[in-house]
N, C-alpha and C. Protein backbone atom coordinates (compact mmCIF):
# COMPACT_ATOMS: atom_id res chain seq x y z
N MET A 1 52.09 -0.73 -31.85
CA MET A 1 52.49 0.00 -30.57
C MET A 1 51.45 0.22 -29.34
N VAL A 2 50.66 1.02 -30.21
CA VAL A 2 49.40 1.49 -29.30
C VAL A 2 48.59 0.42 -28.73
N ALA A 3 48.23 -0.75 -29.64
CA ALA A 3 47.70 -1.63 -28.99
C ALA A 3 48.34 -2.66 -27.96
N ALA A 4 49.75 -2.60 -27.91
CA ALA A 4 50.28 -3.49 -27.24
C ALA A 4 50.38 -2.76 -25.79
N LEU A 5 49.86 -1.69 -25.48
CA LEU A 5 49.85 -0.89 -24.34
C LEU A 5 48.45 -0.84 -23.48
N LEU A 6 47.56 -1.42 -24.01
CA LEU A 6 46.41 -1.71 -23.42
C LEU A 6 46.44 -2.92 -22.58
N VAL A 7 46.07 -2.56 -21.19
CA VAL A 7 46.18 -3.49 -20.08
C VAL A 7 44.30 -3.69 -19.96
N VAL A 8 43.93 -5.13 -19.51
CA VAL A 8 42.88 -5.64 -19.62
C VAL A 8 42.50 -5.37 -18.07
N ALA A 9 42.18 -4.77 -17.28
CA ALA A 9 41.83 -4.43 -15.90
C ALA A 9 41.00 -5.65 -14.92
N VAL A 10 41.81 -7.20 -15.03
CA VAL A 10 41.19 -8.06 -14.28
C VAL A 10 41.82 -8.39 -13.03
N GLY A 11 41.10 -9.17 -12.15
CA GLY A 11 41.61 -9.39 -10.57
C GLY A 11 41.99 -8.13 -10.15
N VAL A 12 40.89 -7.42 -9.95
CA VAL A 12 41.02 -5.65 -9.59
C VAL A 12 41.47 -5.79 -8.07
N GLU A 13 42.22 -4.65 -7.23
CA GLU A 13 42.61 -4.83 -5.91
C GLU A 13 41.29 -3.78 -5.19
N ALA A 14 40.72 -2.77 -6.14
CA ALA A 14 40.01 -2.04 -5.68
C ALA A 14 38.87 -1.38 -6.72
N SER A 15 37.85 -1.14 -6.49
CA SER A 15 36.90 -0.16 -7.24
C SER A 15 36.68 1.13 -6.47
N MET A 16 36.56 2.19 -7.75
CA MET A 16 36.33 3.57 -7.04
C MET A 16 34.99 3.72 -7.31
N PRO A 17 34.46 4.95 -6.55
CA PRO A 17 32.86 5.19 -6.76
C PRO A 17 32.62 5.36 -7.64
N LYS A 18 31.22 4.79 -8.86
CA LYS A 18 31.08 4.89 -9.55
C LYS A 18 30.03 6.76 -9.78
N GLU A 19 29.80 7.36 -8.64
CA GLU A 19 29.16 8.45 -8.77
C GLU A 19 30.20 9.32 -9.29
N TRP A 20 31.89 9.14 -9.12
CA TRP A 20 32.81 9.91 -9.47
C TRP A 20 33.36 9.85 -11.11
N PRO A 21 32.96 10.80 -11.67
CA PRO A 21 33.32 10.37 -13.25
C PRO A 21 34.84 11.34 -13.46
N PHE A 22 35.62 11.33 -12.29
CA PHE A 22 36.90 11.44 -12.95
C PHE A 22 37.79 10.67 -11.75
N PHE A 23 39.20 11.12 -11.87
CA PHE A 23 40.27 10.76 -10.94
C PHE A 23 41.58 11.43 -11.03
N ARG A 24 42.09 11.46 -10.19
CA ARG A 24 43.21 12.03 -10.12
C ARG A 24 44.33 11.57 -9.57
N GLN A 25 45.67 11.82 -9.95
CA GLN A 25 46.81 10.90 -9.38
C GLN A 25 48.15 11.23 -9.63
N THR A 26 49.06 11.11 -9.03
CA THR A 26 50.24 11.71 -9.03
C THR A 26 51.42 10.70 -9.72
N VAL A 27 51.86 11.07 -10.78
CA VAL A 27 52.64 9.86 -11.17
C VAL A 27 53.98 10.99 -11.48
N ASN A 28 55.72 10.24 -10.98
CA ASN A 28 56.29 10.88 -11.49
C ASN A 28 56.43 12.36 -10.99
N GLY A 29 56.04 12.89 -10.19
CA GLY A 29 55.89 14.56 -9.76
C GLY A 29 54.71 15.14 -10.41
N VAL A 30 54.35 14.63 -11.38
CA VAL A 30 53.06 15.43 -12.23
C VAL A 30 51.61 14.97 -11.83
N GLU A 31 50.69 15.93 -11.29
CA GLU A 31 49.56 15.34 -11.28
C GLU A 31 48.82 15.37 -12.30
N ILE A 32 47.82 14.21 -12.65
CA ILE A 32 47.40 14.09 -13.75
C ILE A 32 45.53 13.73 -13.35
N ARG A 33 44.73 14.57 -13.89
CA ARG A 33 43.17 14.56 -13.69
C ARG A 33 42.67 14.37 -14.86
N VAL A 34 41.79 13.39 -14.96
CA VAL A 34 41.02 12.95 -15.72
C VAL A 34 39.65 13.00 -15.38
N ASN A 35 38.85 13.58 -16.24
CA ASN A 35 37.32 13.61 -15.92
C ASN A 35 36.84 13.56 -17.32
N PHE A 36 35.54 12.37 -17.25
CA PHE A 36 34.75 12.13 -18.27
C PHE A 36 33.31 13.35 -17.95
N LEU A 37 33.44 14.22 -18.77
CA LEU A 37 32.78 15.40 -18.94
C LEU A 37 31.11 14.89 -19.38
N ALA A 38 31.63 14.02 -20.31
CA ALA A 38 30.25 13.68 -20.89
C ALA A 38 30.37 12.08 -21.61
N TYR A 39 30.20 11.46 -22.28
CA TYR A 39 29.90 10.15 -22.66
C TYR A 39 30.75 10.44 -23.83
N ASP A 40 31.15 11.30 -24.43
CA ASP A 40 31.89 11.59 -25.83
C ASP A 40 33.22 12.41 -25.64
N VAL A 41 33.37 13.00 -24.17
CA VAL A 41 34.23 13.82 -23.92
C VAL A 41 35.15 13.51 -22.52
N ILE A 42 36.34 13.40 -22.98
CA ILE A 42 37.39 13.22 -21.58
C ILE A 42 38.33 14.65 -21.80
N HIS A 43 38.22 15.40 -20.52
CA HIS A 43 39.19 16.39 -19.90
C HIS A 43 40.61 15.70 -19.44
N VAL A 44 41.08 16.15 -19.90
CA VAL A 44 42.84 15.93 -19.08
C VAL A 44 43.61 17.07 -18.76
N MET A 45 43.96 17.33 -17.38
CA MET A 45 44.55 18.25 -17.10
C MET A 45 45.88 17.66 -16.30
N LYS A 46 47.40 17.80 -16.67
CA LYS A 46 48.46 17.75 -15.82
C LYS A 46 49.18 18.93 -15.37
N TYR A 47 49.77 18.82 -14.38
CA TYR A 47 50.28 20.24 -13.81
C TYR A 47 51.16 19.31 -12.29
N PRO A 48 52.04 20.27 -12.06
CA PRO A 48 53.57 19.73 -11.08
C PRO A 48 52.46 19.37 -9.85
N GLU A 49 52.91 18.53 -9.20
CA GLU A 49 52.48 17.80 -7.68
C GLU A 49 52.35 19.14 -6.95
N GLY A 50 51.15 19.27 -6.29
CA GLY A 50 50.70 20.16 -5.55
C GLY A 50 50.27 21.71 -5.93
N VAL A 51 50.34 22.02 -7.25
CA VAL A 51 50.25 23.39 -7.73
C VAL A 51 48.93 23.13 -8.53
N LEU A 52 47.68 23.53 -7.87
CA LEU A 52 46.37 23.28 -8.55
C LEU A 52 46.38 24.76 -9.56
N PRO A 53 46.31 24.37 -11.20
CA PRO A 53 46.54 25.75 -11.96
C PRO A 53 45.07 26.18 -11.71
N ASP A 54 44.99 27.85 -12.11
CA ASP A 54 44.12 28.60 -12.02
C ASP A 54 43.24 28.32 -13.66
N ARG A 55 42.22 27.87 -13.73
CA ARG A 55 41.77 27.77 -14.79
C ARG A 55 40.87 28.91 -15.51
N LYS A 56 41.17 29.74 -14.90
CA LYS A 56 40.31 31.11 -15.44
C LYS A 56 40.95 31.33 -16.87
N GLU A 57 42.18 31.18 -17.02
CA GLU A 57 42.82 31.40 -18.37
C GLU A 57 42.31 30.48 -19.28
N ALA A 58 41.80 28.93 -18.99
CA ALA A 58 41.64 28.08 -20.20
C ALA A 58 40.32 28.84 -21.39
N MET A 59 40.50 28.21 -22.29
CA MET A 59 39.29 28.68 -23.31
C MET A 59 38.13 28.24 -23.50
N VAL A 60 38.13 26.45 -23.22
CA VAL A 60 37.09 26.14 -23.23
C VAL A 60 36.19 25.74 -21.76
N THR A 61 35.29 25.83 -21.82
CA THR A 61 34.53 25.74 -20.40
C THR A 61 33.04 25.21 -20.72
N PHE A 62 33.60 23.53 -21.40
CA PHE A 62 32.64 22.79 -21.43
C PHE A 62 31.78 22.12 -19.72
N SER A 63 30.78 22.18 -19.93
CA SER A 63 30.01 21.79 -18.48
C SER A 63 29.90 20.45 -18.39
N GLN A 64 30.23 19.82 -16.87
CA GLN A 64 30.10 18.42 -16.67
C GLN A 64 28.39 18.31 -17.01
N GLU A 65 28.28 17.27 -17.74
CA GLU A 65 26.95 16.17 -18.07
C GLU A 65 26.78 15.20 -17.29
N ASP A 66 25.77 14.39 -16.58
CA ASP A 66 25.29 13.64 -16.08
C ASP A 66 26.02 12.05 -16.51
N VAL A 67 27.28 11.78 -15.63
CA VAL A 67 27.52 10.74 -16.54
C VAL A 67 28.00 9.41 -15.51
N TRP A 68 27.77 8.33 -15.99
CA TRP A 68 27.69 6.79 -15.29
C TRP A 68 29.14 6.51 -15.55
N VAL A 69 30.05 6.41 -14.56
CA VAL A 69 31.28 5.23 -15.16
C VAL A 69 31.62 4.33 -14.59
N HIS A 70 32.29 3.18 -15.00
CA HIS A 70 32.63 2.38 -14.31
C HIS A 70 34.26 2.62 -13.99
N SER A 71 34.87 2.07 -12.86
CA SER A 71 36.32 1.94 -12.81
C SER A 71 36.99 1.39 -11.70
N HIS A 72 38.04 1.07 -12.29
CA HIS A 72 38.89 -0.17 -11.11
C HIS A 72 40.36 0.27 -11.15
N ARG A 73 41.48 -0.42 -10.12
CA ARG A 73 42.41 0.36 -10.07
C ARG A 73 43.23 -1.07 -9.48
N THR A 74 44.16 -1.26 -9.99
CA THR A 74 45.23 -2.23 -9.24
C THR A 74 46.78 -1.72 -9.19
N ASP A 75 48.11 -2.42 -8.92
CA ASP A 75 49.05 -1.91 -8.57
C ASP A 75 49.38 -1.09 -9.57
N THR A 76 49.11 -1.42 -10.87
CA THR A 76 50.24 -0.41 -12.02
C THR A 76 49.20 0.07 -13.04
N VAL A 77 47.61 0.23 -12.45
CA VAL A 77 46.58 0.66 -13.70
C VAL A 77 45.46 1.20 -13.16
N ILE A 78 44.96 2.38 -13.33
CA ILE A 78 44.00 3.15 -13.40
C ILE A 78 42.84 3.09 -14.21
N ASP A 79 41.86 2.26 -14.62
CA ASP A 79 40.80 2.46 -15.66
C ASP A 79 39.34 3.04 -15.01
N MET A 80 38.85 3.72 -16.28
CA MET A 80 37.79 4.48 -16.31
C MET A 80 37.38 4.00 -17.52
N GLY A 81 35.63 4.08 -17.60
CA GLY A 81 34.93 4.22 -18.81
C GLY A 81 34.07 4.51 -18.86
N VAL A 82 33.36 4.70 -19.83
CA VAL A 82 31.85 4.81 -20.09
C VAL A 82 31.22 4.09 -20.83
N ILE A 83 30.20 3.75 -21.52
CA ILE A 83 29.50 2.89 -22.44
C ILE A 83 30.41 2.68 -23.54
N SER A 84 30.60 3.79 -24.04
CA SER A 84 31.66 3.50 -25.39
C SER A 84 33.15 3.90 -25.55
N LEU A 85 33.62 4.11 -24.53
CA LEU A 85 34.80 5.01 -24.30
C LEU A 85 35.42 4.68 -22.80
N GLY A 86 36.82 4.38 -23.03
CA GLY A 86 37.93 4.12 -21.78
C GLY A 86 39.05 5.14 -21.93
N CYS A 87 39.47 4.87 -20.36
CA CYS A 87 40.92 5.38 -20.39
C CYS A 87 41.58 4.88 -19.32
N GLN A 88 42.77 4.49 -19.63
CA GLN A 88 43.84 3.99 -18.49
C GLN A 88 44.77 4.53 -18.36
N LEU A 89 45.17 4.98 -17.09
CA LEU A 89 46.39 5.51 -16.77
C LEU A 89 47.61 4.30 -16.23
N ASP A 90 48.73 4.46 -16.64
CA ASP A 90 49.88 3.47 -16.49
C ASP A 90 50.66 4.11 -15.33
N LEU A 91 50.40 3.60 -13.93
CA LEU A 91 50.84 4.39 -13.03
C LEU A 91 52.38 4.14 -12.98
N ARG A 92 52.83 3.46 -13.85
CA ARG A 92 54.58 3.63 -13.83
C ARG A 92 55.36 4.54 -14.63
N THR A 93 54.43 4.67 -15.87
CA THR A 93 55.11 5.53 -16.87
C THR A 93 54.25 7.04 -16.81
N GLY A 94 53.09 6.99 -16.52
CA GLY A 94 51.79 8.39 -16.36
C GLY A 94 51.75 8.29 -17.83
N HIS A 95 51.73 7.52 -18.59
CA HIS A 95 50.85 7.54 -19.83
C HIS A 95 49.22 7.11 -19.65
N LEU A 96 48.57 7.93 -20.68
CA LEU A 96 47.08 7.71 -20.73
C LEU A 96 46.87 7.09 -21.75
N LEU A 97 46.17 5.98 -21.91
CA LEU A 97 45.54 4.72 -23.31
C LEU A 97 43.98 5.28 -23.25
N PHE A 98 43.65 5.59 -24.15
CA PHE A 98 42.17 5.92 -24.32
C PHE A 98 41.78 4.78 -25.65
N TYR A 99 40.72 3.96 -25.38
CA TYR A 99 39.91 2.92 -25.99
C TYR A 99 38.75 2.92 -26.20
N THR A 100 38.37 2.02 -27.07
CA THR A 100 36.48 1.91 -27.47
C THR A 100 36.06 0.97 -26.54
N ASP A 101 34.83 0.70 -26.84
CA ASP A 101 34.04 -0.28 -25.99
C ASP A 101 34.70 -1.72 -26.20
N SER A 102 35.18 -1.85 -27.41
CA SER A 102 35.15 -3.09 -27.92
C SER A 102 36.78 -3.34 -27.42
N GLY A 103 37.60 -2.40 -26.85
CA GLY A 103 38.71 -2.72 -26.49
C GLY A 103 39.99 -2.26 -27.34
N ARG A 104 39.12 -1.39 -28.43
CA ARG A 104 40.30 -1.21 -29.73
C ARG A 104 41.03 0.50 -29.55
N PRO A 105 42.26 0.28 -28.96
CA PRO A 105 42.89 1.30 -28.76
C PRO A 105 42.78 2.46 -29.60
N LEU A 106 42.48 3.79 -29.11
CA LEU A 106 42.30 5.10 -30.09
C LEU A 106 43.85 5.49 -29.91
N LEU A 107 44.03 5.89 -28.77
CA LEU A 107 45.06 6.88 -28.80
C LEU A 107 46.00 6.96 -27.71
N VAL A 108 47.39 6.64 -27.50
CA VAL A 108 48.28 6.50 -26.19
C VAL A 108 49.26 7.72 -25.98
N GLU A 109 49.37 8.21 -25.09
CA GLU A 109 50.22 9.22 -25.04
C GLU A 109 51.93 8.56 -25.13
N THR A 110 52.82 9.37 -25.28
CA THR A 110 54.12 8.93 -25.46
C THR A 110 55.07 9.60 -24.71
N GLY A 111 56.28 9.33 -24.53
CA GLY A 111 57.82 10.62 -23.94
C GLY A 111 56.73 10.76 -22.38
N GLN A 112 57.53 11.77 -21.97
CA GLN A 112 57.06 12.49 -20.85
C GLN A 112 56.67 13.78 -21.45
N PRO A 113 55.48 14.21 -20.47
CA PRO A 113 55.02 15.97 -20.55
C PRO A 113 55.90 16.80 -20.08
N THR A 114 56.28 17.96 -20.83
CA THR A 114 57.00 19.02 -20.53
C THR A 114 56.06 20.26 -19.62
N LEU A 115 56.63 20.11 -18.78
CA LEU A 115 56.22 21.03 -17.72
C LEU A 115 57.54 22.15 -17.16
N GLU A 116 57.76 22.92 -17.76
CA GLU A 116 59.24 23.95 -17.74
C GLU A 116 59.10 25.23 -17.37
N LEU A 117 59.23 25.26 -15.89
CA LEU A 117 58.78 26.77 -15.28
C LEU A 117 59.35 27.83 -15.96
N HIS A 118 58.85 28.95 -16.67
CA HIS A 118 59.61 30.55 -16.50
C HIS A 118 59.72 31.25 -15.48
N GLU A 119 60.90 31.05 -14.92
CA GLU A 119 61.27 32.01 -14.04
C GLU A 119 61.31 33.36 -13.92
N SER A 120 61.38 34.09 -14.82
CA SER A 120 61.58 35.45 -15.24
C SER A 120 60.95 35.84 -16.41
N GLY A 121 61.05 36.87 -16.82
CA GLY A 121 60.46 37.69 -18.07
C GLY A 121 58.77 37.38 -18.33
N ALA A 122 58.26 37.97 -19.18
CA ALA A 122 56.74 37.99 -19.74
C ALA A 122 56.13 37.02 -19.27
N ASN A 123 56.56 35.90 -19.21
CA ASN A 123 55.90 34.44 -19.01
C ASN A 123 56.32 34.07 -17.40
N ALA A 124 57.15 34.85 -16.64
CA ALA A 124 57.30 34.36 -15.54
C ALA A 124 56.05 33.81 -14.68
N GLY A 125 56.13 32.64 -13.91
CA GLY A 125 55.10 31.60 -13.16
C GLY A 125 54.35 31.12 -13.94
N LYS A 126 54.52 30.91 -15.48
CA LYS A 126 53.83 29.87 -16.21
C LYS A 126 54.78 28.83 -16.59
N TYR A 127 54.45 27.80 -17.44
CA TYR A 127 55.13 26.75 -18.10
C TYR A 127 55.34 26.88 -19.27
N SER A 128 56.51 26.27 -20.30
CA SER A 128 56.43 26.08 -21.29
C SER A 128 56.26 24.37 -21.28
N ILE A 129 55.18 24.13 -22.18
CA ILE A 129 54.20 22.87 -22.00
C ILE A 129 54.37 21.84 -23.24
N SER A 130 54.11 20.69 -23.21
CA SER A 130 54.20 20.08 -24.43
C SER A 130 53.63 18.54 -23.89
N GLN A 131 52.85 17.76 -24.95
CA GLN A 131 52.17 16.25 -24.64
C GLN A 131 52.38 16.20 -26.13
N SER A 132 52.67 14.96 -26.29
CA SER A 132 52.68 14.10 -27.41
C SER A 132 52.24 12.50 -27.48
N TRP A 133 51.75 12.15 -28.48
CA TRP A 133 50.99 11.11 -28.65
C TRP A 133 51.08 9.65 -29.70
N ALA A 134 51.15 8.53 -29.77
CA ALA A 134 51.59 7.70 -30.70
C ALA A 134 50.53 7.85 -31.68
N LEU A 135 51.23 7.41 -32.97
CA LEU A 135 49.63 7.34 -34.34
C LEU A 135 50.05 5.92 -34.73
N GLU A 136 49.06 5.34 -34.80
CA GLU A 136 49.21 3.90 -35.64
C GLU A 136 49.81 3.84 -37.15
N GLU A 137 50.30 3.05 -37.56
CA GLU A 137 51.06 2.98 -38.91
C GLU A 137 49.92 3.69 -39.67
N ASN A 138 50.38 4.33 -40.81
CA ASN A 138 49.02 4.94 -41.99
C ASN A 138 48.01 5.64 -41.33
N GLU A 139 47.95 6.02 -40.15
CA GLU A 139 47.00 6.71 -39.52
C GLU A 139 46.68 7.88 -40.23
N ALA A 140 45.72 8.52 -40.63
CA ALA A 140 45.23 9.94 -41.37
C ALA A 140 45.24 10.63 -40.37
N LEU A 141 45.41 11.96 -39.90
CA LEU A 141 45.40 13.00 -39.24
C LEU A 141 44.77 14.08 -40.16
N PHE A 142 43.66 14.96 -39.20
CA PHE A 142 43.09 16.25 -40.26
C PHE A 142 43.41 17.37 -38.98
N LYS A 143 44.26 18.22 -39.21
CA LYS A 143 44.22 19.49 -38.39
C LYS A 143 43.95 20.64 -38.74
N ASN A 144 43.23 21.40 -37.70
CA ASN A 144 42.82 22.56 -37.71
C ASN A 144 42.94 23.53 -36.81
N ASN A 145 42.62 25.00 -37.06
CA ASN A 145 42.91 25.63 -35.83
C ASN A 145 41.65 26.86 -36.14
N VAL A 146 40.69 26.75 -35.07
CA VAL A 146 39.28 27.48 -35.06
C VAL A 146 39.61 28.82 -34.99
N SER A 147 38.58 29.70 -35.46
CA SER A 147 38.76 31.23 -34.75
C SER A 147 38.92 31.45 -33.53
N THR A 148 38.81 30.50 -32.55
CA THR A 148 38.93 30.83 -31.47
C THR A 148 40.10 30.56 -30.71
N SER A 149 40.88 29.78 -31.40
CA SER A 149 42.42 30.00 -31.25
C SER A 149 42.50 28.79 -30.74
N VAL A 150 41.34 27.47 -30.66
CA VAL A 150 41.92 26.40 -29.90
C VAL A 150 42.24 25.66 -31.09
N PRO A 151 43.31 25.35 -30.75
CA PRO A 151 44.06 24.15 -32.26
C PRO A 151 43.35 22.95 -31.93
N TYR A 152 43.32 21.85 -32.93
CA TYR A 152 43.01 20.53 -32.71
C TYR A 152 43.21 20.08 -33.96
N PHE A 153 42.92 18.37 -33.56
CA PHE A 153 43.18 17.40 -34.71
C PHE A 153 42.30 16.46 -34.42
N THR A 154 41.89 15.92 -35.87
CA THR A 154 40.80 14.75 -36.01
C THR A 154 41.48 13.45 -36.46
N SER A 155 41.18 12.66 -35.90
CA SER A 155 41.60 11.35 -37.03
C SER A 155 40.82 10.10 -37.42
N GLU A 156 41.21 9.31 -38.58
CA GLU A 156 39.99 8.81 -39.20
C GLU A 156 39.46 7.81 -38.12
N LYS A 157 40.30 7.55 -37.18
CA LYS A 157 39.62 6.74 -36.18
C LYS A 157 38.41 6.94 -35.55
N GLY A 158 37.90 8.28 -35.52
CA GLY A 158 37.05 8.63 -34.62
C GLY A 158 37.23 9.30 -33.61
N TYR A 159 38.19 10.03 -33.43
CA TYR A 159 38.68 10.74 -32.38
C TYR A 159 39.10 11.92 -32.68
N GLY A 160 38.87 12.73 -31.60
CA GLY A 160 39.57 14.23 -31.79
C GLY A 160 40.15 14.58 -30.64
N VAL A 161 41.30 15.38 -30.98
CA VAL A 161 41.98 16.28 -29.49
C VAL A 161 41.78 17.62 -29.37
N LEU A 162 41.34 18.49 -28.75
CA LEU A 162 41.61 19.86 -28.62
C LEU A 162 42.23 20.12 -27.45
N TRP A 163 43.58 21.32 -27.80
CA TRP A 163 44.49 21.85 -27.11
C TRP A 163 43.86 23.31 -26.29
N ASP A 164 43.44 23.36 -24.95
CA ASP A 164 43.14 24.47 -24.54
C ASP A 164 44.14 25.01 -23.88
N ASN A 165 44.97 26.14 -24.59
CA ASN A 165 45.96 26.69 -24.26
C ASN A 165 45.62 28.29 -24.71
N ARG A 166 45.84 29.27 -23.93
CA ARG A 166 46.04 30.45 -24.69
C ARG A 166 47.51 30.81 -25.40
N GLY A 167 48.63 30.16 -24.82
CA GLY A 167 49.37 30.68 -25.18
C GLY A 167 49.71 30.46 -26.98
N ALA A 168 50.90 30.86 -27.43
CA ALA A 168 51.16 30.45 -29.04
C ALA A 168 51.24 28.78 -28.91
N THR A 169 50.88 28.13 -30.09
CA THR A 169 50.92 26.89 -29.75
C THR A 169 51.58 26.22 -31.07
N HIS A 170 52.34 25.24 -31.16
CA HIS A 170 52.69 24.82 -32.65
C HIS A 170 52.35 23.13 -32.32
N MET A 171 51.62 22.22 -33.40
CA MET A 171 51.42 21.31 -33.50
C MET A 171 52.62 20.60 -34.68
N GLU A 172 53.05 19.36 -33.99
CA GLU A 172 54.05 18.63 -34.87
C GLU A 172 53.23 17.34 -35.21
N ASN A 173 53.59 16.63 -36.53
CA ASN A 173 53.24 15.02 -36.30
C ASN A 173 54.14 14.40 -37.71
N THR A 174 54.54 13.18 -37.30
CA THR A 174 55.17 12.62 -38.42
C THR A 174 54.32 11.18 -38.46
N SER A 175 55.08 10.21 -39.26
CA SER A 175 54.21 9.17 -39.35
C SER A 175 54.02 8.22 -38.11
N SER A 176 54.84 8.61 -37.18
CA SER A 176 54.48 7.69 -35.64
C SER A 176 54.25 8.36 -34.50
N GLU A 177 53.82 9.88 -34.69
CA GLU A 177 53.53 10.70 -33.48
C GLU A 177 53.42 11.86 -33.80
N VAL A 178 52.33 12.49 -32.61
CA VAL A 178 51.60 14.04 -32.98
C VAL A 178 51.96 14.19 -31.94
N SER A 179 52.08 16.08 -31.47
CA SER A 179 52.40 16.41 -30.49
C SER A 179 51.96 18.23 -30.60
N PHE A 180 51.49 18.28 -29.75
CA PHE A 180 51.34 20.00 -29.21
C PHE A 180 52.23 20.57 -27.89
N SER A 181 52.76 21.76 -28.66
CA SER A 181 53.77 22.42 -27.53
C SER A 181 53.24 23.80 -27.57
N SER A 182 52.99 24.71 -26.76
CA SER A 182 52.61 25.91 -26.16
C SER A 182 54.28 26.38 -25.38
N GLU A 183 54.46 27.74 -25.59
CA GLU A 183 55.49 28.75 -25.27
C GLU A 183 54.88 28.86 -23.46
N ALA A 184 53.57 28.79 -23.22
CA ALA A 184 53.22 29.42 -22.15
C ALA A 184 52.06 28.97 -21.77
N GLY A 185 51.69 28.27 -20.51
CA GLY A 185 50.52 27.86 -19.98
C GLY A 185 50.26 27.75 -18.17
N LYS A 186 49.66 27.40 -17.91
CA LYS A 186 49.19 27.05 -16.48
C LYS A 186 49.35 25.68 -16.38
N CYS A 187 49.23 24.70 -17.60
CA CYS A 187 49.34 23.52 -17.31
C CYS A 187 49.00 22.70 -18.32
N ILE A 188 49.17 21.63 -18.60
CA ILE A 188 48.92 20.52 -19.87
C ILE A 188 47.21 20.44 -19.96
N ASP A 189 46.92 20.71 -20.84
CA ASP A 189 45.11 20.91 -20.73
C ASP A 189 44.65 20.79 -22.09
N TYR A 190 43.92 19.45 -21.97
CA TYR A 190 43.30 18.87 -23.44
C TYR A 190 41.99 18.29 -23.27
N TYR A 191 41.29 18.12 -24.39
CA TYR A 191 40.12 17.41 -24.38
C TYR A 191 40.07 16.36 -25.48
N LEU A 192 39.52 15.28 -25.25
CA LEU A 192 39.86 14.05 -26.12
C LEU A 192 37.88 13.92 -26.59
N VAL A 193 37.84 13.93 -27.94
CA VAL A 193 36.10 14.01 -28.23
C VAL A 193 36.29 12.50 -29.17
N TYR A 194 34.98 12.04 -28.57
CA TYR A 194 34.84 10.23 -29.48
C TYR A 194 33.63 10.43 -30.31
N ASN A 195 33.55 9.94 -31.32
CA ASN A 195 32.37 9.51 -31.95
C ASN A 195 32.77 8.57 -32.96
N HIS A 196 32.16 7.48 -33.00
CA HIS A 196 32.27 6.08 -33.40
C HIS A 196 31.21 5.96 -34.87
N GLY A 197 30.95 7.17 -34.99
CA GLY A 197 29.99 7.16 -36.37
C GLY A 197 30.58 7.52 -37.49
N SER A 198 30.34 8.88 -38.46
CA SER A 198 31.04 9.31 -39.40
C SER A 198 31.82 10.16 -39.02
N MET A 199 32.81 10.95 -39.87
CA MET A 199 33.54 12.08 -39.58
C MET A 199 32.30 13.41 -39.57
N ASP A 200 31.53 13.03 -39.87
CA ASP A 200 30.55 14.50 -39.56
C ASP A 200 29.99 14.17 -38.24
N GLY A 201 29.85 13.03 -37.70
CA GLY A 201 29.31 13.08 -36.53
C GLY A 201 30.51 13.44 -35.25
N LEU A 202 32.09 12.95 -35.61
CA LEU A 202 32.71 13.63 -34.79
C LEU A 202 33.00 15.13 -35.03
N LEU A 203 32.81 15.63 -35.78
CA LEU A 203 33.01 17.16 -36.28
C LEU A 203 31.96 17.70 -35.20
N SER A 204 30.78 17.36 -35.24
CA SER A 204 29.71 17.87 -34.73
C SER A 204 29.69 17.74 -33.09
N SER A 205 30.48 16.51 -32.49
CA SER A 205 30.78 16.46 -31.18
C SER A 205 31.58 17.46 -30.73
N MET A 206 33.00 17.57 -31.56
CA MET A 206 33.79 18.89 -31.47
C MET A 206 33.22 19.80 -31.28
N HIS A 207 32.27 20.22 -32.28
CA HIS A 207 31.75 21.76 -32.10
C HIS A 207 30.84 22.28 -31.28
N ARG A 208 30.36 20.94 -30.42
CA ARG A 208 29.60 21.05 -29.21
C ARG A 208 30.68 21.44 -28.15
N VAL A 209 31.64 20.90 -28.22
CA VAL A 209 32.73 21.03 -27.01
C VAL A 209 32.90 22.52 -27.22
N LEU A 210 33.24 23.25 -28.45
CA LEU A 210 34.04 24.56 -28.74
C LEU A 210 32.71 25.28 -28.14
N ARG A 211 31.80 25.17 -28.38
CA ARG A 211 30.70 26.25 -27.83
C ARG A 211 30.64 26.68 -26.63
N GLY A 212 31.59 25.82 -25.61
CA GLY A 212 31.59 26.58 -24.56
C GLY A 212 32.85 27.44 -24.53
N VAL A 213 33.67 27.41 -25.58
CA VAL A 213 34.82 28.50 -25.90
C VAL A 213 34.52 29.62 -25.05
N LYS A 214 35.18 30.22 -24.09
CA LYS A 214 35.26 31.79 -23.72
C LYS A 214 35.58 32.71 -25.00
N PRO A 215 34.65 33.73 -25.03
CA PRO A 215 34.80 34.62 -26.20
C PRO A 215 36.20 35.24 -25.91
N LYS A 216 36.88 35.90 -26.70
CA LYS A 216 37.92 36.65 -26.57
C LYS A 216 37.40 38.35 -26.43
N VAL A 217 37.90 38.67 -25.18
CA VAL A 217 37.56 40.18 -24.65
C VAL A 217 38.36 41.27 -25.18
N HIS A 218 38.42 42.32 -25.94
CA HIS A 218 39.16 43.49 -26.63
C HIS A 218 38.96 44.63 -25.73
N LYS A 219 40.02 44.89 -24.81
CA LYS A 219 39.92 46.09 -24.05
C LYS A 219 39.95 47.37 -24.82
N LYS A 220 39.43 48.33 -25.07
CA LYS A 220 39.42 49.33 -25.74
C LYS A 220 39.66 50.77 -24.85
N LYS A 221 40.47 51.45 -24.82
CA LYS A 221 40.47 52.73 -24.18
C LYS A 221 39.57 53.72 -25.12
N ILE A 222 38.88 54.51 -23.89
CA ILE A 222 37.69 55.63 -24.73
C ILE A 222 38.06 56.63 -23.73
N LYS A 223 38.13 57.63 -24.77
CA LYS A 223 38.63 59.16 -24.83
C LYS A 223 37.69 59.98 -24.43
N VAL A 224 37.89 60.16 -23.07
CA VAL A 224 36.21 61.12 -22.39
C VAL A 224 36.74 62.84 -22.86
N SER A 225 35.68 63.30 -23.14
CA SER A 225 35.93 64.66 -23.10
C SER A 225 35.46 65.74 -22.23
N ARG A 226 36.37 66.30 -21.59
CA ARG A 226 36.07 67.52 -20.46
C ARG A 226 35.50 68.49 -20.86
């Protein structure tokens, strides 16, 4: 299922500037922003068209590295990649597909992302959000939740996904699909980390990203004697 969705961008109609390691595109009313922060880290954000979220609430603050990318666009696909990792956006469905330098699919989004606005209550102005991805048959996942409250999972295929949201988050996976959902958030916000070496190499890459996690600030009232 995953492999069938990979489109080779040949006979391209346009190329995007190589100095831009990101693209932003609206599909079905959802703005999709994909940014190659490093040669092994892709940052994805999704939000309603025209509503740029405030990332001050984000947990991860990984800095942009100097990345050279190649990118092409056709009527149906935006394709961008680096030496060992690539990403395609299907302009018809809005699905993102991540793949290796050899063209082997790593992970592909499924269904439609959830961005349901809370109009009242404690979460007013925020969204109920979710994103799901297809799994290959018998693909083994390892899920974790680090002390920074950034939930993530890794795959035996050499990639990992970090879900960057402060709201209460639930992860669900079956034999064919995995998803994250949060009760409240400014946008869908996640990182894909890829290391084609050992699992230790992948975890090292993920910990490198997590070093950019904002520390939690606990406010404490101080009683002043007069």
